[in-house]
C-alpha atoms as a PDB file:
ATOM      1  CA  MET A   1      60.533  45.154 133.263  1.00  0.00           C
ATOM      2  CA  HIS A   2      62.757  46.959 130.763  1.00  0.00           C
ATOM      3  CA  ASN A   3      65.400  48.973 132.569  1.00  0.00           C
ATOM      4  CA  ASN A   4      67.591  51.375 130.640  1.00  0.00           C
ATOM      5  CA  TYR A   5      71.258  51.836 131.423  1.00  0.00           C
ATOM      6  CA  LYS A   6      73.457  54.857 130.816  1.00  0.00           C
ATOM      7  CA  CYS A   7      76.960  56.127 131.406  1.00  0.00           C
ATOM      8  CA  PRO A   8      77.248  58.250 134.581  1.00  0.00           C
ATOM      9  CA  LYS A   9      79.449  60.741 132.683  1.00  0.00           C
ATOM     10  CA  CYS A  10      77.909  61.310 129.215  1.00  0.00           C
ATOM     11  CA  HIS A  11      74.451  59.816 129.993  1.00  0.00           C
ATOM     12  CA  GLY A  12      74.614  57.913 126.705  1.00  0.00           C
ATOM     13  CA  GLN A  13      72.392  54.829 126.462  1.00  0.00           C
ATOM     14  CA  ILE A  14      74.464  51.618 126.760  1.00  0.00           C
ATOM     15  CA  ARG A  15      71.687  49.004 126.633  1.00  0.00           C
ATOM     16  CA  ILE A  16      70.647  47.366 123.391  1.00  0.00           C
ATOM     17  CA  LYS A  17      67.996  44.629 123.445  1.00  0.00           C
ATOM     18  CA  ASP A  18      69.002  42.133 126.140  1.00  0.00           C
ATOM     19  CA  GLY A  19      72.439  43.459 126.993  1.00  0.00           C
ATOM     20  CA  ILE A  20      74.483  46.248 128.504  1.00  0.00           C
ATOM     21  CA  ILE A  21      77.413  46.992 126.205  1.00  0.00           C
ATOM     22  CA  LEU A  22      80.681  48.050 127.827  1.00  0.00           C
ATOM     23  CA  SER A  23      84.231  48.431 126.619  1.00  0.00           C
ATOM     24  CA  ALA A  24      86.728  46.450 128.713  1.00  0.00           C
ATOM     25  CA  LYS A  25      90.468  45.935 129.217  1.00  0.00           C
ATOM     26  CA  ASN A  26      92.439  43.361 131.158  1.00  0.00           C
ATOM     27  CA  LYS A  27      96.119  43.406 132.152  1.00  0.00           C
ATOM     28  CA  GLY A  28      97.253  45.562 129.251  1.00  0.00           C
ATOM     29  CA  LEU A  29      96.019  42.999 126.721  1.00  0.00           C
ATOM     30  CA  PRO A  30      93.929  44.114 123.744  1.00  0.00           C
ATOM     31  CA  GLY A  31      90.521  45.302 124.919  1.00  0.00           C
ATOM     32  CA  GLY A  32      87.129  44.194 123.794  1.00  0.00           C
ATOM     33  CA  LEU A  33      83.423  44.703 124.117  1.00  0.00           C
ATOM     34  CA  VAL A  34      81.499  42.982 126.894  1.00  0.00           C
ATOM     35  CA  LEU A  35      77.768  42.276 126.931  1.00  0.00           C
ATOM     36  CA  LEU A  36      76.315  42.065 130.465  1.00  0.00           C
ATOM     37  CA  HIS A  37      72.837  40.838 131.302  1.00  0.00           C
ATOM     38  CA  PRO A  38      70.593  43.805 132.276  1.00  0.00           C
ATOM     39  CA  GLU A  39      68.882  42.064 135.227  1.00  0.00           C
ATOM     40  CA  PRO A  40      70.705  42.832 138.505  1.00  0.00           C
ATOM     41  CA  GLY A  41      71.929  39.536 139.932  1.00  0.00           C
ATOM     42  CA  ASN A  42      72.164  37.764 136.561  1.00  0.00           C
ATOM     43  CA  TYR A  43      75.878  37.234 135.878  1.00  0.00           C
ATOM     44  CA  HIS A  44      75.689  35.990 132.293  1.00  0.00           C
ATOM     45  CA  VAL A  45      78.478  37.657 130.266  1.00  0.00           C
ATOM     46  CA  ILE A  46      79.206  37.500 126.548  1.00  0.00           C
ATOM     47  CA  THR A  47      82.586  38.505 125.113  1.00  0.00           C
ATOM     48  CA  HIS A  48      84.512  37.913 121.932  1.00  0.00           C
ATOM     49  CA  PRO A  49      86.523  34.662 122.225  1.00  0.00           C
ATOM     50  CA  ASP A  50      89.774  36.630 121.812  1.00  0.00           C
ATOM     51  CA  PHE A  51      89.052  38.890 124.800  1.00  0.00           C
ATOM     52  CA  LYS A  52      90.965  36.986 127.462  1.00  0.00           C
ATOM     53  CA  TYR A  53      90.586  36.996 131.226  1.00  0.00           C
ATOM     54  CA  GLU A  54      90.727  34.441 133.997  1.00  0.00           C
ATOM     55  CA  GLU A  55      88.705  34.123 137.164  1.00  0.00           C
ATOM     56  CA  GLY A  56      90.049  36.620 139.690  1.00  0.00           C
ATOM     57  CA  ASP A  57      91.413  39.077 137.087  1.00  0.00           C
ATOM     58  CA  LEU A  58      90.547  42.736 137.601  1.00  0.00           C
ATOM     59  CA  VAL A  59      88.759  43.874 134.424  1.00  0.00           C
ATOM     60  CA  GLU A  60      88.499  47.617 133.765  1.00  0.00           C
ATOM     61  CA  PHE A  61      85.222  48.833 132.257  1.00  0.00           C
ATOM     62  CA  TYR A  62      84.620  51.955 130.129  1.00  0.00           C
ATOM     63  CA  CYS A  63      81.672  53.632 128.472  1.00  0.00           C
ATOM     64  CA  PRO A  64      81.573  52.467 124.836  1.00  0.00           C
ATOM     65  CA  ILE A  65      80.400  55.960 123.798  1.00  0.00           C
ATOM     66  CA  CYS A  66      82.629  58.482 125.608  1.00  0.00           C
ATOM     67  CA  HIS A  67      85.289  55.999 126.848  1.00  0.00           C
ATOM     68  CA  HIS A  68      84.986  57.362 130.417  1.00  0.00           C
ATOM     69  CA  SER A  69      86.233  54.934 133.068  1.00  0.00           C
ATOM     70  CA  LEU A  70      83.340  53.386 134.980  1.00  0.00           C
ATOM     71  CA  ASP A  71      85.448  52.971 138.134  1.00  0.00           C
ATOM     72  CA  SER A  72      83.502  53.524 141.325  1.00  0.00           C
ATOM     73  CA  SER A  73      84.661  55.989 143.962  1.00  0.00           C
ATOM     74  CA  LYS A  74      83.294  53.589 146.627  1.00  0.00           C
ATOM     75  CA  HIS A  75      85.763  50.728 146.110  1.00  0.00           C
ATOM     76  CA  MET A  76      88.610  50.008 143.691  1.00  0.00           C
ATOM     77  CA  LYS A  77      87.072  46.643 142.723  1.00  0.00           C
ATOM     78  CA  LEU A  78      83.695  48.096 141.695  1.00  0.00           C
ATOM     79  CA  SER A  79      82.396  49.781 138.537  1.00  0.00           C
ATOM     80  CA  MET A  80      79.228  51.880 138.336  1.00  0.00           C
ATOM     81  CA  VAL A  81      76.531  52.657 135.758  1.00  0.00           C
ATOM     82  CA  VAL A  82      73.124  54.320 136.075  1.00  0.00           C
ATOM     83  CA  MET A  83      69.909  52.319 135.652  1.00  0.00           C
ATOM     84  CA  THR A  84      66.545  53.983 134.927  1.00  0.00           C
ATOM     85  CA  ASP A  85      63.510  51.840 135.743  1.00  0.00           C
ATOM     86  CA  ASP A  86      60.061  51.835 134.097  1.00  0.00           C
ATOM     87  CA  ASP A  87      58.909  54.602 136.486  1.00  0.00           C
ATOM     88  CA  GLY A  88      61.783  56.908 135.483  1.00  0.00           C
ATOM     89  CA  LYS A  89      63.707  56.452 138.766  1.00  0.00           C
ATOM     90  CA  ASP A  90      67.512  56.465 138.517  1.00  0.00           C
ATOM     91  CA  PHE A  91      69.533  53.925 140.491  1.00  0.00           C
ATOM     92  CA  ASP A  92      73.307  53.655 140.807  1.00  0.00           C
ATOM     93  CA  ILE A  93      74.329  50.111 139.906  1.00  0.00           C
ATOM     94  CA  TYR A  94      77.667  48.985 141.327  1.00  0.00           C
ATOM     95  CA  PHE A  95      79.147  45.723 140.091  1.00  0.00           C
ATOM     96  CA  SER A  96      82.367  43.847 140.675  1.00  0.00           C
ATOM     97  CA  LYS A  97      85.286  44.233 138.287  1.00  0.00           C
ATOM     98  CA  VAL A  98      86.743  40.925 139.523  1.00  0.00           C
ATOM     99  CA  ALA A  99      86.155  38.225 136.897  1.00  0.00           C
ATOM    100  CA  GLY A 100      83.958  35.463 138.307  1.00  0.00           C
ATOM    101  CA  GLU A 101      82.858  37.467 141.346  1.00  0.00           C
ATOM    102  CA  GLN A 102      79.094  37.825 141.765  1.00  0.00           C
ATOM    103  CA  SER A 103      78.407  41.177 143.360  1.00  0.00           C
ATOM    104  CA  THR A 104      75.864  43.842 142.373  1.00  0.00           C
ATOM    105  CA  LEU A 105      74.492  46.691 144.500  1.00  0.00           C
ATOM    106  CA  LYS A 106      71.461  48.694 143.372  1.00  0.00           C
ATOM    107  CA  MET A 107      71.269  52.044 145.161  1.00  0.00           C
ATOM    108  CA  ILE A 108      68.819  54.907 145.380  1.00  0.00           C
ATOM    109  CA  GLY A 109      69.153  57.544 148.058  1.00  0.00           C
ATOM    110  CA  GLU A 110      70.210  55.855 151.279  1.00  0.00           C
ATOM    111  CA  HIS A 111      68.893  52.406 150.400  1.00  0.00           C
ATOM    112  CA  VAL A 112      70.713  49.542 148.742  1.00  0.00           C
ATOM    113  CA  GLU A 113      69.487  46.261 147.289  1.00  0.00           C
ATOM    114  CA  VAL A 114      72.156  43.557 147.249  1.00  0.00           C
ATOM    115  CA  PHE A 115      72.605  40.762 144.688  1.00  0.00           C
ATOM    116  CA  GLY A 116      75.224  38.018 144.435  1.00  0.00           C
ATOM    117  CA  GLN A 117      77.105  35.807 146.825  1.00  0.00           C
ATOM    118  CA  HIS A 118      80.155  38.107 147.056  1.00  0.00           C
ATOM    119  CA  SER A 119      78.355  41.394 147.783  1.00  0.00           C
ATOM    120  CA  GLY A 120      79.057  41.193 151.509  1.00  0.00           C
ATOM    121  CA  GLU A 121      82.658  42.154 150.761  1.00  0.00           C
ATOM    122  CA  TYR A 122      81.534  45.614 149.611  1.00  0.00           C
ATOM    123  CA  ILE A 123      78.401  46.562 151.566  1.00  0.00           C
ATOM    124  CA  ASP A 124      80.396  48.079 154.456  1.00  0.00           C
ATOM    125  CA  PHE A 125      81.809  50.722 152.109  1.00  0.00           C
ATOM    126  CA  PHE A 126      78.346  52.226 151.575  1.00  0.00           C
ATOM    127  CA  ASN A 127      77.126  52.748 155.185  1.00  0.00           C
ATOM    128  CA  LEU A 128      73.500  52.543 154.106  1.00  0.00           C
ATOM    129  CA  SER A 129      70.399  50.592 155.095  1.00  0.00           C
ATOM    130  CA  GLN A 130      69.808  47.348 153.225  1.00  0.00           C
ATOM    131  CA  ASN A 131      66.590  46.256 151.553  1.00  0.00           C
ATOM    132  CA  PHE A 132      66.377  42.590 150.624  1.00  0.00           C
END
């Protein structure tokens, strides 16, 4: 499976090889680029060693192309990008902005697929049926 990811604003492609590239900022410190694993539920993250954050910090994510904030309108602790699967279906992918928190929600229409041990904190904000 080779899902593509794009910015919800400019629709620019933000996946290269095995990573989703995002621009990020934390607590007014210098920002950096973040490489997220493209498989929902895989929380492997690569950053430059000088991009500093601690577990529990709220990290703000931006499109690396148009610099649009990826903040979700569903919850202040979630960001959102669009994933297109091999069949051409678009899904909204919501993920936690809290460093160290494992929460990803994959949505299409009124259905949501939940990944990560902390996702229960956010599911009530969607009022949708769950598929596991």
